[in-house]
């Protein structure tokens, strides 16, 4: 069987489109179910998510990570992503299931979390819980979580066969803020826009202030994260130059790509839901330094 081509997609856009089809028949007061599972192997890591609507319809997602994650971190990522997806539908009552005793007990406060990355995930889950009128998470045996378990194993593996009715998504960057941010050597282009949108602060120079106001109309803040509005794409998450360069490297020669060219490289980053102003120039610079691509591209000419 030939291998199916897997395209990176913006999850928020995908869920929103699915929500439009089912929300018309679903009351916000009805309970939604969420089964999640995370998997981390030597081949990679990923999560499986099964959302069950009030009409008993299953929405299945297998998401492969483009970043390293421990098994516990993958479990938390699955829950965070799943909660965001359900919230996107407008649901207000959510019952979540996980087969990880550690995750459930830490969320309940019975077990203490010591790792900084887990603490960050717990804080994000606590914030997401406030978006629901009622939220509960229950630990279940692994055999009762078979659907999500099989999806997470599928996402974390590198097998050449894929279930026909399941789309494999790629998540190139964790949605949880990192405890330690990389040291940057240049000014973050996002800061002036964020200061204006969140605090109403403008540069003292009138010309720069007017220019910033005009530019900022193309951006929006959601949960303290900057996004760019785009006519042909869903909201694009804005990255620093350093973060964007890392994303390009992951796509170009990491787990998600095979030494793609400049145009393909930049477009893949857009389709994955990311934006930064120098993405095309950075793609050109990265490809120009790739000996393997230059060797094969010269043969094509």
Foldseek 3Di string as FASTA:
>chain_A
DFFDDAAAAAVLVVLLVVLVVPLVPADLPAEKEKEKAKDQDPQFIWMWIWIQGSVRDTDIATETELDHDDRVLRRLLRVLVNLVSVVSSVHQHYEYEYQDPVLQCVLVVNDPDDDPSVVLSSVSVVVSNVSHPYYYYDHDHVVVSVRGVVSRVVNGHDDRDDDPPYHYHYDHDRPGDDPDDDDDPDDFPCVQLLCCQPPVDADPDPVRRVVSVVVSVQWDDDPNWIWGHDDVGHTATEDGPVVLLVSLCCQQPNPNHPNDALVVSLVSNVRNRHDDDCNSVSSNVVSVPDPVNVVVVVVVD
